[in-house]
Amino acid sequence: MSKPSLRVAAKGEKPPAPAKPKTLSEAVESGTYLEILMAQRRQMVTDLTTTTGPALAALHRQIALHSKEIASLQAEAEQEAIENDHRTEDEAFDASAV
């Protein structure tokens, strides 16, 4: 996951809509491991409303475990993006522009 380069927004330009998360079926068929974990977590959170008893406690534990793994994978991806960042040359500083 690389970060897009920064640029000046055009007048009236709005940010793009966030990508719709994949369903669990879509993630299993064509997603990454991270997308699968995130879809599983969303499904578990949805299932919380109909789960009771010991299964509810187990579901809470699974959500916590998924959340930790997701955070770890996202941190790894961020670190990798930082390490692989190909910086462009800075423009010459023009003091008269300030």
PDB file of N, CA and C in Angstrom:
ATOM      1  N   MET A   1       0.829  -1.168   0.000  1.00  0.00           N
ATOM      2  CA  MET A   1       0.000   0.000   0.000  1.00  0.00           C
ATOM      3  C   MET A   1       0.875   1.234   0.000  1.00  0.00           C
ATOM      4  N   SER A   2       0.924   1.937  -1.073  1.00  0.00           N
ATOM      5  CA  SER A   2       1.720   3.148  -1.080  1.00  0.00           C
ATOM      6  C   SER A   2       0.807   4.353  -0.967  1.00  0.00           C
ATOM      7  N   LYS A   3       1.323   5.376  -0.329  1.00  0.00           N
ATOM      8  CA  LYS A   3       0.535   6.587  -0.155  1.00  0.00           C
ATOM      9  C   LYS A   3       0.571   7.380  -1.450  1.00  0.00           C
ATOM     10  N   PRO A   4      -0.552   7.987  -1.823  1.00  0.00           N
ATOM     11  CA  PRO A   4      -0.550   8.813  -3.022  1.00  0.00           C
ATOM     12  C   PRO A   4       0.278  10.067  -2.773  1.00  0.00           C
ATOM     13  N   SER A   5       0.863  10.597  -3.823  1.00  0.00           N
ATOM     14  CA  SER A   5       1.654  11.808  -3.659  1.00  0.00           C
ATOM     15  C   SER A   5       0.728  12.996  -3.404  1.00  0.00           C
ATOM     16  N   LEU A   6       1.253  13.970  -2.691  1.00  0.00           N
ATOM     17  CA  LEU A   6       0.462  15.156  -2.372  1.00  0.00           C
ATOM     18  C   LEU A   6       0.430  16.095  -3.563  1.00  0.00           C
ATOM     19  N   ARG A   7      -0.692  16.778  -3.675  1.00  0.00           N
ATOM     20  CA  ARG A   7      -0.830  17.779  -4.735  1.00  0.00           C
ATOM     21  C   ARG A   7      -1.840  18.812  -4.282  1.00  0.00           C
ATOM     22  N   VAL A   8      -1.878  19.929  -4.946  1.00  0.00           N
ATOM     23  CA  VAL A   8      -2.848  20.975  -4.639  1.00  0.00           C
ATOM     24  C   VAL A   8      -4.178  20.571  -5.248  1.00  0.00           C
ATOM     25  N   ALA A   9      -5.228  20.660  -4.451  1.00  0.00           N
ATOM     26  CA  ALA A   9      -6.558  20.313  -4.938  1.00  0.00           C
ATOM     27  C   ALA A   9      -7.089  21.432  -5.830  1.00  0.00           C
ATOM     28  N   ALA A  10      -7.813  21.037  -6.847  1.00  0.00           N
ATOM     29  CA  ALA A  10      -8.437  22.021  -7.725  1.00  0.00           C
ATOM     30  C   ALA A  10      -9.590  22.684  -6.975  1.00  0.00           C
ATOM     31  N   LYS A  11      -9.931  23.883  -7.365  1.00  0.00           N
ATOM     32  CA  LYS A  11     -11.005  24.614  -6.710  1.00  0.00           C
ATOM     33  C   LYS A  11     -12.294  23.805  -6.815  1.00  0.00           C
ATOM     34  N   GLY A  12     -12.941  23.585  -5.693  1.00  0.00           N
ATOM     35  CA  GLY A  12     -14.198  22.843  -5.675  1.00  0.00           C
ATOM     36  C   GLY A  12     -14.047  21.335  -5.723  1.00  0.00           C
ATOM     37  N   GLU A  13     -12.810  20.855  -5.787  1.00  0.00           N
ATOM     38  CA  GLU A  13     -12.575  19.410  -5.855  1.00  0.00           C
ATOM     39  C   GLU A  13     -12.900  18.766  -4.518  1.00  0.00           C
ATOM     40  N   LYS A  14     -13.591  17.642  -4.572  1.00  0.00           N
ATOM     41  CA  LYS A  14     -13.943  16.918  -3.360  1.00  0.00           C
ATOM     42  C   LYS A  14     -13.112  15.644  -3.292  1.00  0.00           C
ATOM     43  N   PRO A  15     -12.839  15.179  -2.079  1.00  0.00           N
ATOM     44  CA  PRO A  15     -12.055  13.946  -1.960  1.00  0.00           C
ATOM     45  C   PRO A  15     -12.843  12.768  -2.526  1.00  0.00           C
ATOM     46  N   PRO A  16     -12.148  11.765  -3.035  1.00  0.00           N
ATOM     47  CA  PRO A  16     -12.857  10.602  -3.568  1.00  0.00           C
ATOM     48  C   PRO A  16     -13.570   9.854  -2.445  1.00  0.00           C
ATOM     49  N   ALA A  17     -14.669   9.226  -2.790  1.00  0.00           N
ATOM     50  CA  ALA A  17     -15.404   8.435  -1.802  1.00  0.00           C
ATOM     51  C   ALA A  17     -14.549   7.248  -1.391  1.00  0.00           C
ATOM     52  N   PRO A  18     -14.577   6.899  -0.113  1.00  0.00           N
ATOM     53  CA  PRO A  18     -13.789   5.744   0.316  1.00  0.00           C
ATOM     54  C   PRO A  18     -14.283   4.477  -0.370  1.00  0.00           C
ATOM     55  N   ALA A  19     -13.370   3.563  -0.619  1.00  0.00           N
ATOM     56  CA  ALA A  19     -13.728   2.315  -1.286  1.00  0.00           C
ATOM     57  C   ALA A  19     -14.645   1.505  -0.382  1.00  0.00           C
ATOM     58  N   LYS A  20     -15.653   0.898  -0.979  1.00  0.00           N
ATOM     59  CA  LYS A  20     -16.584   0.066  -0.222  1.00  0.00           C
ATOM     60  C   LYS A  20     -15.848  -1.206   0.194  1.00  0.00           C
ATOM     61  N   PRO A  21     -15.925  -1.555   1.482  1.00  0.00           N
ATOM     62  CA  PRO A  21     -15.221  -2.764   1.912  1.00  0.00           C
ATOM     63  C   PRO A  21     -15.813  -4.010   1.248  1.00  0.00           C
ATOM     64  N   LYS A  22     -14.958  -4.990   1.025  1.00  0.00           N
ATOM     65  CA  LYS A  22     -15.399  -6.232   0.396  1.00  0.00           C
ATOM     66  C   LYS A  22     -16.211  -7.058   1.387  1.00  0.00           C
ATOM     67  N   THR A  23     -17.194  -7.771   0.862  1.00  0.00           N
ATOM     68  CA  THR A  23     -17.910  -8.725   1.696  1.00  0.00           C
ATOM     69  C   THR A  23     -16.969  -9.881   1.979  1.00  0.00           C
ATOM     70  N   LEU A  24     -17.355 -10.733   2.909  1.00  0.00           N
ATOM     71  CA  LEU A  24     -16.515 -11.877   3.223  1.00  0.00           C
ATOM     72  C   LEU A  24     -16.342 -12.763   1.997  1.00  0.00           C
ATOM     73  N   SER A  25     -17.408 -12.989   1.249  1.00  0.00           N
ATOM     74  CA  SER A  25     -17.320 -13.812   0.035  1.00  0.00           C
ATOM     75  C   SER A  25     -16.375 -13.191  -0.983  1.00  0.00           C
ATOM     76  N   GLU A  26     -16.491 -11.877  -1.197  1.00  0.00           N
ATOM     77  CA  GLU A  26     -15.618 -11.193  -2.152  1.00  0.00           C
ATOM     78  C   GLU A  26     -14.158 -11.255  -1.698  1.00  0.00           C
ATOM     79  N   ALA A  27     -13.935 -11.056  -0.401  1.00  0.00           N
ATOM     80  CA  ALA A  27     -12.569 -11.076   0.128  1.00  0.00           C
ATOM     81  C   ALA A  27     -11.943 -12.456  -0.024  1.00  0.00           C
ATOM     82  N   VAL A  28     -12.729 -13.499   0.226  1.00  0.00           N
ATOM     83  CA  VAL A  28     -12.193 -14.852   0.087  1.00  0.00           C
ATOM     84  C   VAL A  28     -11.874 -15.143  -1.371  1.00  0.00           C
ATOM     85  N   GLU A  29     -12.719 -14.686  -2.277  1.00  0.00           N
ATOM     86  CA  GLU A  29     -12.529 -14.951  -3.709  1.00  0.00           C
ATOM     87  C   GLU A  29     -11.371 -14.156  -4.307  1.00  0.00           C
ATOM     88  N   SER A  30     -11.267 -12.870  -3.948  1.00  0.00           N
ATOM     89  CA  SER A  30     -10.283 -12.044  -4.653  1.00  0.00           C
ATOM     90  C   SER A  30      -9.547 -11.051  -3.769  1.00  0.00           C
ATOM     91  N   GLY A  31      -9.595 -11.248  -2.469  1.00  0.00           N
ATOM     92  CA  GLY A  31      -8.970 -10.275  -1.584  1.00  0.00           C
ATOM     93  C   GLY A  31      -7.645 -10.727  -1.033  1.00  0.00           C
ATOM     94  N   THR A  32      -7.038  -9.827  -0.312  1.00  0.00           N
ATOM     95  CA  THR A  32      -5.790 -10.130   0.377  1.00  0.00           C
ATOM     96  C   THR A  32      -6.129 -10.745   1.741  1.00  0.00           C
ATOM     97  N   TYR A  33      -5.123 -11.252   2.406  1.00  0.00           N
ATOM     98  CA  TYR A  33      -5.321 -11.816   3.740  1.00  0.00           C
ATOM     99  C   TYR A  33      -5.884 -10.755   4.678  1.00  0.00           C
ATOM    100  N   LEU A  34      -5.392  -9.527   4.578  1.00  0.00           N
ATOM    101  CA  LEU A  34      -5.881  -8.432   5.408  1.00  0.00           C
ATOM    102  C   LEU A  34      -7.353  -8.155   5.131  1.00  0.00           C
ATOM    103  N   GLU A  35      -7.742  -8.140   3.869  1.00  0.00           N
ATOM    104  CA  GLU A  35      -9.151  -7.897   3.529  1.00  0.00           C
ATOM    105  C   GLU A  35     -10.046  -9.016   4.060  1.00  0.00           C
ATOM    106  N   ILE A  36      -9.547 -10.244   4.044  1.00  0.00           N
ATOM    107  CA  ILE A  36     -10.317 -11.370   4.582  1.00  0.00           C
ATOM    108  C   ILE A  36     -10.507 -11.196   6.087  1.00  0.00           C
ATOM    109  N   LEU A  37      -9.437 -10.855   6.801  1.00  0.00           N
ATOM    110  CA  LEU A  37      -9.541 -10.655   8.241  1.00  0.00           C
ATOM    111  C   LEU A  37     -10.521  -9.528   8.575  1.00  0.00           C
ATOM    112  N   MET A  38     -10.461  -8.451   7.816  1.00  0.00           N
ATOM    113  CA  MET A  38     -11.346  -7.325   8.078  1.00  0.00           C
ATOM    114  C   MET A  38     -12.812  -7.697   7.802  1.00  0.00           C
ATOM    115  N   ALA A  39     -13.041  -8.451   6.749  1.00  0.00           N
ATOM    116  CA  ALA A  39     -14.407  -8.893   6.432  1.00  0.00           C
ATOM    117  C   ALA A  39     -14.912  -9.860   7.505  1.00  0.00           C
ATOM    118  N   GLN A  40     -14.042 -10.747   7.979  1.00  0.00           N
ATOM    119  CA  GLN A  40     -14.434 -11.662   9.049  1.00  0.00           C
ATOM    120  C   GLN A  40     -14.790 -10.879  10.311  1.00  0.00           C
ATOM    121  N   ARG A  41     -14.009  -9.876  10.634  1.00  0.00           N
ATOM    122  CA  ARG A  41     -14.289  -9.075  11.826  1.00  0.00           C
ATOM    123  C   ARG A  41     -15.618  -8.348  11.687  1.00  0.00           C
ATOM    124  N   ARG A  42     -15.880  -7.773  10.501  1.00  0.00           N
ATOM    125  CA  ARG A  42     -17.175  -7.109  10.290  1.00  0.00           C
ATOM    126  C   ARG A  42     -18.327  -8.093  10.481  1.00  0.00           C
ATOM    127  N   GLN A  43     -18.171  -9.318   9.958  1.00  0.00           N
ATOM    128  CA  GLN A  43     -19.201 -10.339  10.098  1.00  0.00           C
ATOM    129  C   GLN A  43     -19.409 -10.704  11.568  1.00  0.00           C
ATOM    130  N   MET A  44     -18.318 -10.846  12.306  1.00  0.00           N
ATOM    131  CA  MET A  44     -18.430 -11.185  13.728  1.00  0.00           C
ATOM    132  C   MET A  44     -19.143 -10.080  14.505  1.00  0.00           C
ATOM    133  N   VAL A  45     -18.842  -8.834  14.189  1.00  0.00           N
ATOM    134  CA  VAL A  45     -19.494  -7.725  14.869  1.00  0.00           C
ATOM    135  C   VAL A  45     -20.989  -7.746  14.567  1.00  0.00           C
ATOM    136  N   THR A  46     -21.358  -8.049  13.349  1.00  0.00           N
ATOM    137  CA  THR A  46     -22.772  -8.172  12.983  1.00  0.00           C
ATOM    138  C   THR A  46     -23.426  -9.310  13.774  1.00  0.00           C
ATOM    139  N   ASP A  47     -22.703 -10.409  13.941  1.00  0.00           N
ATOM    140  CA  ASP A  47     -23.234 -11.579  14.650  1.00  0.00           C
ATOM    141  C   ASP A  47     -23.400 -11.348  16.148  1.00  0.00           C
ATOM    142  N   LEU A  48     -22.767 -10.319  16.693  1.00  0.00           N
ATOM    143  CA  LEU A  48     -22.870 -10.048  18.128  1.00  0.00           C
ATOM    144  C   LEU A  48     -24.305  -9.852  18.581  1.00  0.00           C
ATOM    145  N   THR A  49     -25.136  -9.277  17.725  1.00  0.00           N
ATOM    146  CA  THR A  49     -26.506  -8.965  18.131  1.00  0.00           C
ATOM    147  C   THR A  49     -27.358 -10.210  18.345  1.00  0.00           C
ATOM    148  N   THR A  50     -26.995 -11.317  17.735  1.00  0.00           N
ATOM    149  CA  THR A  50     -27.797 -12.534  17.857  1.00  0.00           C
ATOM    150  C   THR A  50     -27.106 -13.636  18.646  1.00  0.00           C
ATOM    151  N   THR A  51     -25.944 -13.363  19.197  1.00  0.00           N
ATOM    152  CA  THR A  51     -25.176 -14.374  19.923  1.00  0.00           C
ATOM    153  C   THR A  51     -25.328 -14.156  21.422  1.00  0.00           C
ATOM    154  N   THR A  52     -25.440 -15.253  22.169  1.00  0.00           N
ATOM    155  CA  THR A  52     -25.569 -15.157  23.621  1.00  0.00           C
ATOM    156  C   THR A  52     -24.696 -16.219  24.290  1.00  0.00           C
ATOM    157  N   GLY A  53     -24.575 -16.085  25.600  1.00  0.00           N
ATOM    158  CA  GLY A  53     -23.891 -17.094  26.393  1.00  0.00           C
ATOM    159  C   GLY A  53     -22.408 -17.213  26.094  1.00  0.00           C
ATOM    160  N   PRO A  54     -21.884 -18.438  26.223  1.00  0.00           N
ATOM    161  CA  PRO A  54     -20.452 -18.659  26.014  1.00  0.00           C
ATOM    162  C   PRO A  54     -20.005 -18.305  24.590  1.00  0.00           C
ATOM    163  N   ALA A  55     -20.890 -18.468  23.629  1.00  0.00           N
ATOM    164  CA  ALA A  55     -20.535 -18.122  22.252  1.00  0.00           C
ATOM    165  C   ALA A  55     -20.256 -16.624  22.123  1.00  0.00           C
ATOM    166  N   LEU A  56     -20.952 -15.818  22.899  1.00  0.00           N
ATOM    167  CA  LEU A  56     -20.731 -14.369  22.868  1.00  0.00           C
ATOM    168  C   LEU A  56     -19.335 -14.036  23.388  1.00  0.00           C
ATOM    169  N   ALA A  57     -18.938 -14.682  24.470  1.00  0.00           N
ATOM    170  CA  ALA A  57     -17.591 -14.455  25.013  1.00  0.00           C
ATOM    171  C   ALA A  57     -16.527 -14.885  24.005  1.00  0.00           C
ATOM    172  N   ALA A  58     -16.754 -16.023  23.356  1.00  0.00           N
ATOM    173  CA  ALA A  58     -15.801 -16.504  22.347  1.00  0.00           C
ATOM    174  C   ALA A  58     -15.719 -15.535  21.173  1.00  0.00           C
ATOM    175  N   LEU A  59     -16.857 -14.983  20.787  1.00  0.00           N
ATOM    176  CA  LEU A  59     -16.887 -14.036  19.672  1.00  0.00           C
ATOM    177  C   LEU A  59     -16.115 -12.770  20.023  1.00  0.00           C
ATOM    178  N   HIS A  60     -16.281 -12.297  21.250  1.00  0.00           N
ATOM    179  CA  HIS A  60     -15.525 -11.122  21.689  1.00  0.00           C
ATOM    180  C   HIS A  60     -14.027 -11.396  21.628  1.00  0.00           C
ATOM    181  N   ARG A  61     -13.626 -12.568  22.055  1.00  0.00           N
ATOM    182  CA  ARG A  61     -12.211 -12.927  22.016  1.00  0.00           C
ATOM    183  C   ARG A  61     -11.701 -12.975  20.575  1.00  0.00           C
ATOM    184  N   GLN A  62     -12.470 -13.567  19.687  1.00  0.00           N
ATOM    185  CA  GLN A  62     -12.064 -13.648  18.269  1.00  0.00           C
ATOM    186  C   GLN A  62     -11.956 -12.255  17.649  1.00  0.00           C
ATOM    187  N   ILE A  63     -12.872 -11.374  18.002  1.00  0.00           N
ATOM    188  CA  ILE A  63     -12.818 -10.005  17.477  1.00  0.00           C
ATOM    189  C   ILE A  63     -11.538  -9.325  17.953  1.00  0.00           C
ATOM    190  N   ALA A  64     -11.202  -9.523  19.224  1.00  0.00           N
ATOM    191  CA  ALA A  64      -9.974  -8.922  19.761  1.00  0.00           C
ATOM    192  C   ALA A  64      -8.745  -9.476  19.050  1.00  0.00           C
ATOM    193  N   LEU A  65      -8.714 -10.795  18.842  1.00  0.00           N
ATOM    194  CA  LEU A  65      -7.571 -11.402  18.150  1.00  0.00           C
ATOM    195  C   LEU A  65      -7.457 -10.904  16.711  1.00  0.00           C
ATOM    196  N   HIS A  66      -8.587 -10.824  16.020  1.00  0.00           N
ATOM    197  CA  HIS A  66      -8.574 -10.313  14.643  1.00  0.00           C
ATOM    198  C   HIS A  66      -8.093  -8.862  14.623  1.00  0.00           C
ATOM    199  N   SER A  67      -8.573  -8.064  15.568  1.00  0.00           N
ATOM    200  CA  SER A  67      -8.198  -6.649  15.608  1.00  0.00           C
ATOM    201  C   SER A  67      -6.698  -6.477  15.805  1.00  0.00           C
ATOM    202  N   LYS A  68      -6.109  -7.291  16.684  1.00  0.00           N
ATOM    203  CA  LYS A  68      -4.661  -7.222  16.903  1.00  0.00           C
ATOM    204  C   LYS A  68      -3.898  -7.605  15.644  1.00  0.00           C
ATOM    205  N   GLU A  69      -4.344  -8.671  14.967  1.00  0.00           N
ATOM    206  CA  GLU A  69      -3.641  -9.097  13.756  1.00  0.00           C
ATOM    207  C   GLU A  69      -3.790  -8.068  12.642  1.00  0.00           C
ATOM    208  N   ILE A  70      -4.982  -7.488  12.522  1.00  0.00           N
ATOM    209  CA  ILE A  70      -5.214  -6.452  11.512  1.00  0.00           C
ATOM    210  C   ILE A  70      -4.298  -5.255  11.776  1.00  0.00           C
ATOM    211  N   ALA A  71      -4.240  -4.813  13.031  1.00  0.00           N
ATOM    212  CA  ALA A  71      -3.376  -3.675  13.378  1.00  0.00           C
ATOM    213  C   ALA A  71      -1.917  -3.984  13.072  1.00  0.00           C
ATOM    214  N   SER A  72      -1.494  -5.194  13.348  1.00  0.00           N
ATOM    215  CA  SER A  72      -0.118  -5.591  13.080  1.00  0.00           C
ATOM    216  C   SER A  72       0.183  -5.570  11.584  1.00  0.00           C
ATOM    217  N   LEU A  73      -0.723  -6.122  10.788  1.00  0.00           N
ATOM    218  CA  LEU A  73      -0.518  -6.137   9.331  1.00  0.00           C
ATOM    219  C   LEU A  73      -0.537  -4.728   8.752  1.00  0.00           C
ATOM    220  N   GLN A  74      -1.412  -3.873   9.267  1.00  0.00           N
ATOM    221  CA  GLN A  74      -1.461  -2.491   8.779  1.00  0.00           C
ATOM    222  C   GLN A  74      -0.184  -1.734   9.150  1.00  0.00           C
ATOM    223  N   ALA A  75       0.329  -1.976  10.351  1.00  0.00           N
ATOM    224  CA  ALA A  75       1.577  -1.324  10.770  1.00  0.00           C
ATOM    225  C   ALA A  75       2.746  -1.786   9.900  1.00  0.00           C
ATOM    226  N   GLU A  76       2.769  -3.084   9.593  1.00  0.00           N
ATOM    227  CA  GLU A  76       3.818  -3.616   8.707  1.00  0.00           C
ATOM    228  C   GLU A  76       3.743  -2.952   7.335  1.00  0.00           C
ATOM    229  N   ALA A  77       2.530  -2.826   6.806  1.00  0.00           N
ATOM    230  CA  ALA A  77       2.350  -2.221   5.484  1.00  0.00           C
ATOM    231  C   ALA A  77       2.792  -0.757   5.498  1.00  0.00           C
ATOM    232  N   GLU A  78       2.464  -0.040   6.562  1.00  0.00           N
ATOM    233  CA  GLU A  78       2.882   1.363   6.677  1.00  0.00           C
ATOM    234  C   GLU A  78       4.399   1.473   6.738  1.00  0.00           C
ATOM    235  N   GLN A  79       5.016   0.618   7.531  1.00  0.00           N
ATOM    236  CA  GLN A  79       6.476   0.641   7.660  1.00  0.00           C
ATOM    237  C   GLN A  79       7.137   0.320   6.327  1.00  0.00           C
ATOM    238  N   GLU A  80       6.589  -0.662   5.628  1.00  0.00           N
ATOM    239  CA  GLU A  80       7.131  -1.035   4.322  1.00  0.00           C
ATOM    240  C   GLU A  80       6.991   0.119   3.332  1.00  0.00           C
ATOM    241  N   ALA A  81       5.856   0.812   3.377  1.00  0.00           N
ATOM    242  CA  ALA A  81       5.655   1.953   2.485  1.00  0.00           C
ATOM    243  C   ALA A  81       6.660   3.057   2.788  1.00  0.00           C
ATOM    244  N   ILE A  82       6.934   3.278   4.062  1.00  0.00           N
ATOM    245  CA  ILE A  82       7.914   4.306   4.443  1.00  0.00           C
ATOM    246  C   ILE A  82       9.302   3.927   3.945  1.00  0.00           C
ATOM    247  N   GLU A  83       9.654   2.655   4.125  1.00  0.00           N
ATOM    248  CA  GLU A  83      10.978   2.197   3.704  1.00  0.00           C
ATOM    249  C   GLU A  83      11.140   2.212   2.189  1.00  0.00           C
ATOM    250  N   ASN A  84      10.056   2.000   1.475  1.00  0.00           N
ATOM    251  CA  ASN A  84      10.121   1.953   0.011  1.00  0.00           C
ATOM    252  C   ASN A  84       9.760   3.280  -0.638  1.00  0.00           C
ATOM    253  N   ASP A  85       9.584   4.304   0.179  1.00  0.00           N
ATOM    254  CA  ASP A  85       9.174   5.610  -0.345  1.00  0.00           C
ATOM    255  C   ASP A  85      10.265   6.170  -1.251  1.00  0.00           C
ATOM    256  N   HIS A  86       9.895   6.443  -2.475  1.00  0.00           N
ATOM    257  CA  HIS A  86      10.838   7.037  -3.426  1.00  0.00           C
ATOM    258  C   HIS A  86      10.580   8.532  -3.449  1.00  0.00           C
ATOM    259  N   ARG A  87      11.400   9.243  -2.724  1.00  0.00           N
ATOM    260  CA  ARG A  87      11.202  10.685  -2.605  1.00  0.00           C
ATOM    261  C   ARG A  87      11.648  11.396  -3.878  1.00  0.00           C
ATOM    262  N   THR A  88      10.930  12.448  -4.181  1.00  0.00           N
ATOM    263  CA  THR A  88      11.302  13.263  -5.332  1.00  0.00           C
ATOM    264  C   THR A  88      12.225  14.380  -4.849  1.00  0.00           C
ATOM    265  N   GLU A  89      12.941  14.950  -5.763  1.00  0.00           N
ATOM    266  CA  GLU A  89      13.836  16.044  -5.424  1.00  0.00           C
ATOM    267  C   GLU A  89      13.017  17.266  -5.019  1.00  0.00           C
ATOM    268  N   ASP A  90      13.479  17.959  -4.005  1.00  0.00           N
ATOM    269  CA  ASP A  90      12.814  19.191  -3.582  1.00  0.00           C
ATOM    270  C   ASP A  90      13.034  20.255  -4.646  1.00  0.00           C
ATOM    271  N   GLU A  91      12.017  21.100  -4.770  1.00  0.00           N
ATOM    272  CA  GLU A  91      12.155  22.228  -5.671  1.00  0.00           C
ATOM    273  C   GLU A  91      13.050  23.275  -5.014  1.00  0.00           C
ATOM    274  N   ALA A  92      13.648  24.113  -5.817  1.00  0.00           N
ATOM    275  CA  ALA A  92      14.494  25.194  -5.287  1.00  0.00           C
ATOM    276  C   ALA A  92      13.621  26.146  -4.488  1.00  0.00           C
ATOM    277  N   PHE A  93      14.133  26.605  -3.359  1.00  0.00           N
ATOM    278  CA  PHE A  93      13.403  27.527  -2.509  1.00  0.00           C
ATOM    279  C   PHE A  93      13.483  28.928  -3.086  1.00  0.00           C
ATOM    280  N   ASP A  94      12.319  29.554  -3.205  1.00  0.00           N
ATOM    281  CA  ASP A  94      12.245  30.916  -3.718  1.00  0.00           C
ATOM    282  C   ASP A  94      11.703  31.801  -2.607  1.00  0.00           C
ATOM    283  N   ALA A  95      12.609  32.554  -1.929  1.00  0.00           N
ATOM    284  CA  ALA A  95      12.210  33.388  -0.799  1.00  0.00           C
ATOM    285  C   ALA A  95      11.246  34.490  -1.217  1.00  0.00           C
ATOM    286  N   SER A  96      11.293  34.932  -2.461  1.00  0.00           N
ATOM    287  CA  SER A  96      10.392  36.007  -2.885  1.00  0.00           C
ATOM    288  C   SER A  96       8.962  35.528  -3.013  1.00  0.00           C
ATOM    289  N   ALA A  97       8.742  34.228  -3.023  1.00  0.00           N
ATOM    290  CA  ALA A  97       7.387  33.687  -3.129  1.00  0.00           C
ATOM    291  C   ALA A  97       6.652  33.720  -1.794  1.00  0.00           C
ATOM    292  N   VAL A  98       7.410  33.963  -0.715  1.00  0.00           N
ATOM    293  CA  VAL A  98       6.799  33.964   0.625  1.00  0.00           C
ATOM    294  C   VAL A  98       6.217  35.275   0.968  1.00  0.00           C
TER     295      VAL A  98
END
